[in-house]
Amino acid sequence: MQLRGPPRLLVEVEVVNTNALERGAGQTWISEGPETDRDCELVLQVTAEQTRHRIMKWAIVLCAMVALSECIIHVPLIKGKSARENLEEQGLWDEYRVKHPFNPTRFDDQSLYVSSEQMTNDADLAYFGVISIGTPPQSFTVIFDTGSSNLWIPSVYCSSAACANHNRFNPSLSSTFKNAGKSLSIQYGTGSMTGFEGFDTVVVGGIPVKNQIFGLSQSEAPFMAHMKADGILGLAYPRLAASQATPVFDNMMTQHLVNQDMFSVYLSRNSAAGSMVTFGGVDSNHYYGQITWIPLSSQMYWQITVDSVTVNGQIVACNGGCQAIVDTGTSNIVGPKADISSMAHAVGAYSANGDNVVDCNNINNMPAMVFHIHGQAFTLPASTYVRQSTYYGCRTGLQSSDSDLWILGDIFIRQYYSIFSRAQNMVGLALAR
């Protein structure tokens, strides 16, 4: 133990040349608490001979040494190729988009008391993290999704083609699994996932969340075969959860596994590495300047009020205000058809094959979009809202829906470090590094 620097509590776990699926060789995870009256830094190196299970145990021991309630949990996210990018490379995108059009179907109030959940089939999602479930642990890649509340992964009982190329959970191999005796149905725009629910230990960032309820798929929609993630870990409010399941983060709070009742998300712009979900606090290394705190207008999604959207100083959407959710489970910015059309026209885009297309040679001359939220201006330069494709040129990350509810997806979150506070029921936004 070394005493140094300004007062803070730091736990650093460095993994050297392990073969654990969850991590990579030479990566480092840091759990950092707020300022305390103790000056300490604990560093643990785990050798290549030690197993994934041993790594998890040592992380728990370290947290116990410094008081588990003061841990901040960092979960690295992997930025890989999206399903769309892979389909474009294979020449299959045109066929896919006809069969599985983007349809941001979302939960409605009349479905709150049935064992179903509605979600989006989004081929542009590219950020995934790793969790493990069971004893001994079985590993899965998941989308950390602030637009849903349930955790689900494929099971060995799934015979759909979509399950064949994903990791599948085997309950019989886990000594801590318990069947919940409930069925689960998740409806997508072009299909569904059905299965059942169970309880087990879920490990997030090396920290075990005990007795966590989760869904195990028995059938999955065909489009899911192209998705990189095995499943989804929902981070919205319990009110949104199917079958009244307790979300993972709620159990993390109840079991005192996080220092503060908040989590934050950083999405890297270009690098495959560097993206992070931080449970229990914020990471000042990932943003500039001050955080703008925005009160929620509804506690189901992470829903806020947008005052207006302007381009070149003119209101082009949300005139008079609109409702929007900050959603890591959606890649683009989604809004009502008329508003999205107005925004696309204002930046010089035109419609082609379901996309709002722009000239790749003109990106530097395109205007910024400005979202006015809680008295602050959140600017998206063209470089942030235009997607470039090797095979399909350039398009904006704007998509329309039949709903009046806007979705501020990964395009927005890449530009603005996003903090989700359950303690204050607020979203915090700061310019991302």
Protein backbone atom coordinates (compact mmCIF):
# COMPACT_ATOMS: atom_id res chain seq x y z
CA MET A 1 0.00 0.00 0.00
CA GLN A 2 1.28 3.46 -0.91
CA LEU A 3 0.12 6.84 0.35
CA ARG A 4 0.07 9.43 -2.39
CA GLY A 5 -1.70 12.34 -4.07
CA PRO A 6 -5.08 13.84 -3.25
CA PRO A 7 -7.38 11.81 -1.02
CA ARG A 8 -9.10 9.05 -2.95
CA LEU A 9 -9.62 5.34 -2.81
CA LEU A 10 -8.32 3.40 -5.78
CA VAL A 11 -8.46 -0.29 -6.49
CA GLU A 12 -6.65 -1.37 -9.63
CA VAL A 13 -6.84 -4.91 -10.94
CA GLU A 14 -4.40 -5.65 -13.73
CA VAL A 15 -4.78 -8.86 -15.71
CA VAL A 16 -1.65 -10.02 -17.48
CA ASN A 17 -1.86 -12.49 -20.39
CA THR A 18 -4.97 -14.30 -19.23
CA ASN A 19 -7.06 -16.40 -21.53
CA ALA A 20 -10.31 -15.34 -19.92
CA LEU A 21 -12.98 -14.65 -22.48
CA GLU A 22 -14.33 -11.63 -20.64
CA ARG A 23 -11.15 -9.64 -20.93
CA GLY A 24 -8.03 -9.38 -23.02
CA ALA A 25 -4.35 -9.74 -22.20
CA GLY A 26 -2.77 -6.80 -20.48
CA GLN A 27 -5.97 -4.86 -19.85
CA THR A 28 -6.54 -2.92 -16.64
CA TRP A 29 -9.75 -2.25 -14.73
CA ILE A 30 -9.95 0.46 -12.11
CA SER A 31 -12.47 0.78 -9.30
CA GLU A 32 -12.32 4.27 -7.93
CA GLY A 33 -14.29 5.70 -5.04
CA PRO A 34 -14.95 9.32 -4.11
CA GLU A 35 -12.73 11.37 -1.88
CA THR A 36 -12.40 9.81 1.55
CA ASP A 37 -10.32 10.37 4.67
CA ARG A 38 -8.04 7.56 3.56
CA ASP A 39 -5.13 7.83 1.15
CA CYS A 40 -4.59 4.43 -0.35
CA GLU A 41 -3.89 2.61 -3.54
CA LEU A 42 -4.06 -1.14 -3.84
CA VAL A 43 -2.65 -2.88 -6.90
CA LEU A 44 -3.10 -6.55 -7.67
CA GLN A 45 -1.49 -8.31 -10.61
CA VAL A 46 -2.97 -11.63 -11.64
CA THR A 47 -0.64 -13.95 -13.48
CA ALA A 48 -1.42 -15.87 -16.65
CA GLU A 49 -1.73 -19.12 -14.75
CA GLN A 50 -4.64 -17.92 -12.68
CA THR A 51 -8.14 -18.58 -13.91
CA ARG A 52 -11.02 -16.27 -14.64
CA HIS A 53 -12.75 -17.47 -11.48
CA ARG A 54 -9.66 -16.58 -9.41
CA ILE A 55 -9.57 -13.11 -10.95
CA MET A 56 -13.15 -12.50 -9.92
CA LYS A 57 -12.44 -13.71 -6.38
CA TRP A 58 -9.47 -11.35 -5.97
CA ALA A 59 -11.53 -8.42 -7.25
CA ILE A 60 -14.12 -9.19 -4.61
CA VAL A 61 -11.46 -9.52 -1.89
CA LEU A 62 -10.00 -6.14 -2.82
CA CYS A 63 -13.37 -4.47 -2.71
CA ALA A 64 -14.01 -6.02 0.70
CA MET A 65 -10.66 -4.68 1.96
CA VAL A 66 -11.63 -1.12 1.12
CA ALA A 67 -15.35 -1.52 1.81
CA LEU A 68 -17.39 -2.93 -1.00
CA SER A 69 -19.87 -0.09 -0.87
CA GLU A 70 -17.11 2.27 -2.06
CA CYS A 71 -16.39 0.39 -5.27
CA ILE A 72 -16.93 1.86 -8.70
CA ILE A 73 -17.25 -0.81 -11.35
CA HIS A 74 -15.81 -0.24 -14.82
CA VAL A 75 -16.99 -2.51 -17.63
CA PRO A 76 -15.01 -2.14 -20.88
CA LEU A 77 -17.10 -2.11 -24.04
CA ILE A 78 -15.96 -3.50 -27.35
CA LYS A 79 -16.69 -1.50 -30.47
CA GLY A 80 -16.97 -3.99 -33.31
CA LYS A 81 -18.52 -4.08 -36.74
CA SER A 82 -22.26 -3.67 -36.70
CA ALA A 83 -24.60 -6.19 -38.29
CA ARG A 84 -25.17 -3.72 -41.11
CA GLU A 85 -21.46 -3.40 -41.86
CA ASN A 86 -21.07 -7.16 -42.04
CA LEU A 87 -24.16 -7.53 -44.23
CA GLU A 88 -22.92 -4.81 -46.58
CA GLU A 89 -19.59 -6.58 -46.94
CA GLN A 90 -21.42 -9.80 -47.83
CA GLY A 91 -23.73 -8.03 -50.29
CA LEU A 92 -26.77 -8.97 -48.19
CA TRP A 93 -27.82 -5.60 -46.81
CA ASP A 94 -30.51 -4.79 -49.40
CA GLU A 95 -32.21 -8.14 -48.80
CA TYR A 96 -31.94 -7.76 -45.03
CA ARG A 97 -33.38 -4.25 -44.83
CA VAL A 98 -36.45 -5.32 -46.83
CA LYS A 99 -37.09 -8.36 -44.63
CA HIS A 100 -36.22 -6.64 -41.36
CA PRO A 101 -36.91 -2.90 -41.64
CA PHE A 102 -35.87 -0.70 -38.75
CA ASN A 103 -38.89 -0.47 -36.48
CA PRO A 104 -38.35 1.19 -33.10
CA THR A 105 -41.30 -0.50 -31.44
CA ARG A 106 -41.40 0.45 -27.80
CA PHE A 107 -43.24 -0.41 -24.62
CA ASP A 108 -46.72 1.00 -24.10
CA ASP A 109 -48.54 1.50 -20.83
CA GLN A 110 -51.09 -1.21 -21.59
CA SER A 111 -48.34 -3.84 -21.65
CA LEU A 112 -46.90 -3.08 -18.23
CA TYR A 113 -48.46 -6.02 -16.46
CA VAL A 114 -47.82 -8.85 -18.90
CA SER A 115 -44.68 -10.90 -19.35
CA SER A 116 -43.62 -9.17 -22.53
CA GLU A 117 -41.26 -6.42 -23.58
CA GLN A 118 -40.94 -4.56 -26.86
CA MET A 119 -37.59 -3.64 -28.34
CA THR A 120 -35.90 -2.47 -31.53
CA ASN A 121 -34.10 -4.47 -34.20
CA ASP A 122 -31.18 -2.13 -34.89
CA ALA A 123 -28.54 -3.36 -37.33
CA ASP A 124 -26.21 -0.44 -36.58
CA LEU A 125 -25.47 -1.31 -32.94
CA ALA A 126 -21.73 -1.74 -32.43
CA TYR A 127 -20.92 -1.58 -28.68
CA PHE A 128 -20.88 -4.71 -26.53
CA GLY A 129 -19.65 -5.71 -23.09
CA VAL A 130 -19.01 -9.04 -21.39
CA ILE A 131 -20.76 -10.47 -18.35
CA SER A 132 -20.89 -13.96 -16.89
CA ILE A 133 -23.75 -15.93 -15.38
CA GLY A 134 -23.79 -19.00 -13.16
CA THR A 135 -21.43 -21.09 -11.03
CA PRO A 136 -18.97 -21.75 -12.58
CA PRO A 137 -19.40 -18.66 -14.76
CA GLN A 138 -20.57 -18.84 -18.39
CA SER A 139 -19.64 -15.76 -20.43
CA PHE A 140 -21.80 -13.67 -22.77
CA THR A 141 -21.52 -10.48 -24.77
CA VAL A 142 -24.42 -8.12 -24.13
CA ILE A 143 -25.67 -4.72 -25.16
CA PHE A 144 -25.87 -2.47 -22.09
CA ASP A 145 -29.23 -0.96 -23.00
CA THR A 146 -30.71 2.06 -21.23
CA GLY A 147 -33.84 1.65 -23.37
CA SER A 148 -34.99 -1.62 -21.77
CA SER A 149 -34.96 -3.20 -18.32
CA ASN A 150 -34.67 -6.97 -18.66
CA LEU A 151 -31.54 -9.12 -18.86
CA TRP A 152 -31.79 -11.99 -21.32
CA ILE A 153 -29.39 -14.33 -23.11
CA PRO A 154 -29.76 -17.40 -25.37
CA SER A 155 -30.18 -20.80 -23.75
CA VAL A 156 -29.15 -24.29 -24.81
CA TYR A 157 -32.85 -24.98 -25.29
CA CYS A 158 -33.00 -22.56 -28.21
CA SER A 159 -33.15 -24.34 -31.56
CA SER A 160 -33.51 -21.23 -33.75
CA ALA A 161 -30.82 -20.55 -36.31
CA ALA A 162 -30.21 -17.21 -34.58
CA CYS A 163 -28.97 -19.04 -31.48
CA ALA A 164 -26.53 -21.27 -33.34
CA ASN A 165 -23.82 -18.62 -33.65
CA HIS A 166 -24.17 -17.21 -30.14
CA ASN A 167 -23.08 -18.34 -26.70
CA ARG A 168 -25.91 -20.19 -24.94
CA PHE A 169 -26.50 -20.57 -21.23
CA ASN A 170 -26.78 -24.11 -19.87
CA PRO A 171 -28.70 -24.08 -16.56
CA SER A 172 -27.71 -27.65 -15.76
CA LEU A 173 -24.05 -26.60 -15.57
CA SER A 174 -24.69 -23.95 -12.91
CA SER A 175 -24.99 -25.00 -9.27
CA THR A 176 -26.65 -21.69 -8.38
CA PHE A 177 -29.37 -21.59 -11.07
CA LYS A 178 -33.04 -21.59 -10.05
CA ASN A 179 -35.97 -21.73 -12.46
CA ALA A 180 -38.36 -18.81 -11.88
CA GLY A 181 -41.31 -20.65 -13.39
CA LYS A 182 -42.23 -17.71 -15.65
CA SER A 183 -42.28 -17.33 -19.41
CA LEU A 184 -40.87 -14.30 -21.24
CA SER A 185 -41.72 -12.81 -24.62
CA ILE A 186 -39.86 -9.95 -26.29
CA GLN A 187 -41.52 -8.50 -29.38
CA TYR A 188 -39.44 -6.92 -32.14
CA GLY A 189 -40.58 -5.03 -35.21
CA THR A 190 -40.07 -8.11 -37.36
CA GLY A 191 -40.15 -11.06 -34.98
CA SER A 192 -39.85 -12.09 -31.38
CA MET A 193 -37.81 -13.85 -28.74
CA THR A 194 -39.58 -16.26 -26.40
CA GLY A 195 -38.25 -18.19 -23.46
CA PHE A 196 -38.40 -18.51 -19.69
CA GLU A 197 -36.91 -16.83 -16.64
CA GLY A 198 -34.48 -18.00 -13.99
CA PHE A 199 -32.33 -16.74 -11.13
CA ASP A 200 -28.56 -16.95 -10.87
CA THR A 201 -25.41 -15.02 -10.01
CA VAL A 202 -24.56 -12.45 -12.68
CA VAL A 203 -21.01 -11.05 -12.67
CA VAL A 204 -20.66 -7.50 -13.99
CA GLY A 205 -17.18 -5.98 -14.06
CA GLY A 206 -15.89 -8.69 -11.73
CA ILE A 207 -18.58 -8.05 -9.12
CA PRO A 208 -21.22 -10.75 -8.46
CA VAL A 209 -24.87 -9.72 -8.41
CA LYS A 210 -26.60 -12.51 -6.54
CA ASN A 211 -30.03 -13.98 -7.21
CA GLN A 212 -30.51 -11.95 -10.39
CA ILE A 213 -33.53 -12.80 -12.52
CA PHE A 214 -32.87 -13.11 -16.27
CA GLY A 215 -34.46 -14.46 -19.41
CA LEU A 216 -33.30 -17.55 -21.31
CA SER A 217 -34.39 -17.66 -24.93
CA GLN A 218 -35.93 -20.76 -26.49
CA SER A 219 -36.65 -19.17 -29.87
CA GLU A 220 -35.30 -16.03 -31.52
CA ALA A 221 -36.23 -13.97 -34.57
CA PRO A 222 -34.14 -14.71 -37.69
CA PHE A 223 -32.63 -11.21 -37.86
CA MET A 224 -30.90 -11.82 -34.53
CA ALA A 225 -28.52 -14.25 -36.23
CA HIS A 226 -26.71 -11.18 -37.58
CA MET A 227 -26.40 -9.45 -34.22
CA LYS A 228 -22.96 -9.52 -32.62
CA ALA A 229 -24.17 -9.55 -29.02
CA ASP A 230 -25.53 -12.69 -27.41
CA GLY A 231 -28.12 -10.82 -25.37
CA ILE A 232 -29.19 -7.59 -23.72
CA LEU A 233 -28.71 -6.16 -20.24
CA GLY A 234 -31.39 -3.54 -19.65
CA LEU A 235 -30.62 -0.46 -17.54
CA ALA A 236 -33.93 1.40 -17.57
CA TYR A 237 -36.37 1.65 -14.66
CA PRO A 238 -38.16 -1.37 -13.11
CA ARG A 239 -41.49 -0.06 -14.37
CA LEU A 240 -40.40 -1.01 -17.89
CA ALA A 241 -39.37 -4.56 -17.01
CA ALA A 242 -41.37 -7.49 -18.33
CA SER A 243 -43.01 -9.73 -15.70
CA GLN A 244 -42.00 -7.26 -12.98
CA ALA A 245 -38.41 -8.54 -13.13
CA THR A 246 -35.87 -6.65 -11.03
CA PRO A 247 -33.26 -5.03 -13.33
CA VAL A 248 -29.59 -5.76 -12.75
CA PHE A 249 -28.71 -2.24 -11.62
CA ASP A 250 -31.54 -2.24 -9.07
CA ASN A 251 -30.04 -5.36 -7.51
CA MET A 252 -26.60 -3.75 -7.58
CA MET A 253 -28.02 -0.85 -5.59
CA THR A 254 -29.97 -3.06 -3.18
CA GLN A 255 -26.94 -5.29 -2.56
CA HIS A 256 -24.76 -2.20 -1.93
CA LEU A 257 -22.38 -3.05 -4.74
CA VAL A 258 -22.01 0.52 -5.99
CA ASN A 259 -20.78 3.67 -4.30
CA GLN A 260 -23.52 5.88 -5.74
CA ASP A 261 -26.86 5.03 -7.31
CA MET A 262 -25.75 6.06 -10.77
CA PHE A 263 -23.93 4.76 -13.81
CA SER A 264 -22.33 6.48 -16.77
CA VAL A 265 -21.54 5.62 -20.38
CA TYR A 266 -18.63 6.62 -22.60
CA LEU A 267 -18.64 5.53 -26.25
CA SER A 268 -15.42 5.91 -28.22
CA ARG A 269 -15.72 7.51 -31.63
CA ASN A 270 -13.28 5.48 -33.68
CA SER A 271 -11.20 3.11 -31.58
CA ALA A 272 -12.33 -0.44 -30.98
CA ALA A 273 -11.24 -0.03 -27.35
CA GLY A 274 -11.81 2.65 -24.76
CA SER A 275 -15.60 2.61 -24.46
CA MET A 276 -16.83 2.08 -20.92
CA VAL A 277 -19.84 1.66 -18.69
CA THR A 278 -19.07 2.85 -15.16
CA PHE A 279 -21.36 1.67 -12.37
CA GLY A 280 -21.41 3.70 -9.17
CA GLY A 281 -20.07 7.04 -10.38
CA VAL A 282 -18.50 9.05 -13.18
CA ASP A 283 -15.06 9.03 -14.76
CA SER A 284 -13.67 12.53 -15.28
CA ASN A 285 -11.18 11.15 -17.81
CA HIS A 286 -14.04 10.77 -20.28
CA TYR A 287 -15.47 14.29 -20.46
CA TYR A 288 -14.60 17.99 -20.61
CA GLY A 289 -16.03 20.87 -18.64
CA GLN A 290 -19.16 20.87 -16.54
CA ILE A 291 -21.96 18.33 -16.34
CA THR A 292 -25.45 19.58 -17.21
CA TRP A 293 -28.01 17.81 -15.03
CA ILE A 294 -31.43 17.33 -16.61
CA PRO A 295 -34.44 16.17 -14.57
CA LEU A 296 -36.38 13.23 -15.95
CA SER A 297 -39.86 13.89 -17.25
CA SER A 298 -40.82 10.24 -16.71
CA GLN A 299 -39.24 7.45 -14.69
CA MET A 300 -39.64 4.49 -17.00
CA TYR A 301 -37.15 5.19 -19.73
CA TRP A 302 -34.39 7.72 -19.16
CA GLN A 303 -36.75 10.33 -20.56
CA ILE A 304 -36.10 14.07 -20.77
CA THR A 305 -37.64 17.13 -22.39
CA VAL A 306 -36.01 18.59 -25.50
CA ASP A 307 -36.96 22.24 -26.00
CA SER A 308 -36.16 22.41 -29.71
CA VAL A 309 -33.76 21.33 -32.46
CA THR A 310 -32.14 23.98 -34.62
CA VAL A 311 -29.98 24.08 -37.74
CA ASN A 312 -28.31 27.37 -38.71
CA GLY A 313 -30.26 29.08 -35.94
CA GLN A 314 -33.65 28.02 -37.27
CA ILE A 315 -36.00 25.62 -35.47
CA VAL A 316 -36.36 22.52 -37.63
CA ALA A 317 -37.84 20.05 -35.13
CA CYS A 318 -39.35 19.79 -31.64
CA ASN A 319 -41.00 23.19 -32.02
CA GLY A 320 -42.67 23.79 -28.67
CA GLY A 321 -40.79 20.93 -27.01
CA CYS A 322 -40.81 17.15 -27.26
CA GLN A 323 -39.99 14.07 -25.20
CA ALA A 324 -36.82 12.05 -25.80
CA ILE A 325 -35.09 9.07 -24.22
CA VAL A 326 -31.32 8.70 -23.92
CA ASP A 327 -30.86 5.18 -25.22
CA THR A 328 -27.63 3.20 -25.54
CA GLY A 329 -29.62 0.41 -27.18
CA THR A 330 -30.35 2.49 -30.29
CA SER A 331 -27.59 3.56 -32.65
CA ASN A 332 -29.14 6.60 -34.32
CA ILE A 333 -31.33 9.60 -33.58
CA VAL A 334 -34.95 8.64 -34.07
CA GLY A 335 -37.94 10.97 -34.26
CA PRO A 336 -41.33 11.58 -35.88
CA LYS A 337 -41.31 11.40 -39.66
CA ALA A 338 -42.10 15.06 -40.28
CA ASP A 339 -39.41 16.28 -37.91
CA ILE A 340 -36.75 13.90 -39.22
CA SER A 341 -37.58 14.92 -42.78
CA SER A 342 -37.24 18.58 -41.81
CA MET A 343 -33.86 17.97 -40.16
CA ALA A 344 -32.58 15.95 -43.11
CA HIS A 345 -33.62 18.67 -45.54
CA ALA A 346 -31.98 21.35 -43.40
CA VAL A 347 -28.59 19.61 -43.54
CA GLY A 348 -28.83 18.84 -47.26
CA ALA A 349 -29.71 15.14 -47.12
CA TYR A 350 -32.05 13.33 -49.49
CA SER A 351 -33.95 10.07 -49.12
CA ALA A 352 -32.68 6.92 -50.84
CA ASN A 353 -33.38 3.28 -49.96
CA GLY A 354 -34.60 4.15 -46.51
CA ASP A 355 -31.57 6.31 -45.64
CA ASN A 356 -31.02 10.06 -45.55
CA VAL A 357 -28.06 10.27 -47.92
CA VAL A 358 -25.46 13.03 -48.19
CA ASP A 359 -22.46 13.82 -50.39
CA CYS A 360 -19.34 12.37 -48.77
CA ASN A 361 -17.27 15.21 -50.25
CA ASN A 362 -19.42 17.85 -48.58
CA ILE A 363 -19.38 16.73 -44.93
CA ASN A 364 -17.05 19.55 -43.83
CA ASN A 365 -19.49 22.11 -45.24
CA MET A 366 -22.62 20.66 -43.66
CA PRO A 367 -24.24 22.51 -40.75
CA ALA A 368 -24.41 21.28 -37.18
CA MET A 369 -27.59 20.11 -35.49
CA VAL A 370 -28.25 21.69 -32.11
CA PHE A 371 -30.46 20.07 -29.47
CA HIS A 372 -31.65 22.62 -26.91
CA ILE A 373 -32.19 20.83 -23.60
CA HIS A 374 -32.82 22.36 -20.17
CA GLY A 375 -31.48 25.74 -21.26
CA GLN A 376 -28.28 24.35 -22.76
CA ALA A 377 -27.24 23.80 -26.38
CA PHE A 378 -25.92 20.35 -27.31
CA THR A 379 -24.27 20.57 -30.71
CA LEU A 380 -23.75 17.69 -33.12
CA PRO A 381 -21.32 18.62 -35.92
CA ALA A 382 -21.78 16.87 -39.25
CA SER A 383 -18.76 14.69 -38.51
CA THR A 384 -20.71 13.14 -35.63
CA TYR A 385 -24.09 12.55 -37.30
CA VAL A 386 -22.89 11.35 -40.73
CA ARG A 387 -22.07 7.66 -41.16
CA GLN A 388 -19.68 6.63 -43.91
CA SER A 389 -19.97 3.24 -45.58
CA THR A 390 -17.52 1.58 -47.94
CA TYR A 391 -20.36 0.21 -50.03
CA TYR A 392 -23.25 2.68 -49.61
CA GLY A 393 -21.61 6.09 -49.40
CA CYS A 394 -22.59 8.53 -46.66
CA ARG A 395 -25.84 8.84 -44.74
CA THR A 396 -27.05 10.70 -41.72
CA GLY A 397 -27.82 8.88 -38.50
CA LEU A 398 -31.41 10.11 -38.63
CA GLN A 399 -34.28 7.64 -38.68
CA SER A 400 -38.00 8.21 -38.53
CA SER A 401 -40.69 6.38 -36.60
CA ASP A 402 -44.43 6.52 -36.06
CA SER A 403 -43.96 7.54 -32.43
CA ASP A 404 -43.81 11.05 -31.00
CA LEU A 405 -41.12 9.87 -28.57
CA TRP A 406 -37.61 10.76 -29.71
CA ILE A 407 -34.61 8.51 -29.17
CA LEU A 408 -31.15 9.98 -28.62
CA GLY A 409 -28.98 6.99 -29.44
CA ASP A 410 -25.29 6.26 -29.79
CA ILE A 411 -24.66 9.14 -32.21
CA PHE A 412 -25.65 11.56 -29.46
CA ILE A 413 -23.97 9.62 -26.63
CA ARG A 414 -20.64 9.46 -28.48
CA GLN A 415 -20.60 13.26 -28.45
CA TYR A 416 -21.92 13.64 -24.90
CA TYR A 417 -20.77 11.55 -21.96
CA SER A 418 -24.01 10.38 -20.38
CA ILE A 419 -24.66 9.89 -16.67
CA PHE A 420 -27.78 8.15 -15.40
CA SER A 421 -28.64 9.00 -11.78
CA ARG A 422 -31.25 6.87 -10.04
CA ALA A 423 -30.65 8.75 -6.78
CA GLN A 424 -31.70 12.08 -8.30
CA ASN A 425 -33.75 10.80 -11.26
CA MET A 426 -31.67 12.86 -13.65
CA VAL A 427 -29.53 12.48 -16.74
CA GLY A 428 -26.19 14.26 -16.78
CA LEU A 429 -24.54 15.29 -20.05
CA ALA A 430 -21.01 16.56 -20.63
CA LEU A 431 -18.89 16.93 -23.76
CA ALA A 432 -17.12 13.60 -24.31
CA ARG A 433 -13.37 13.45 -24.76
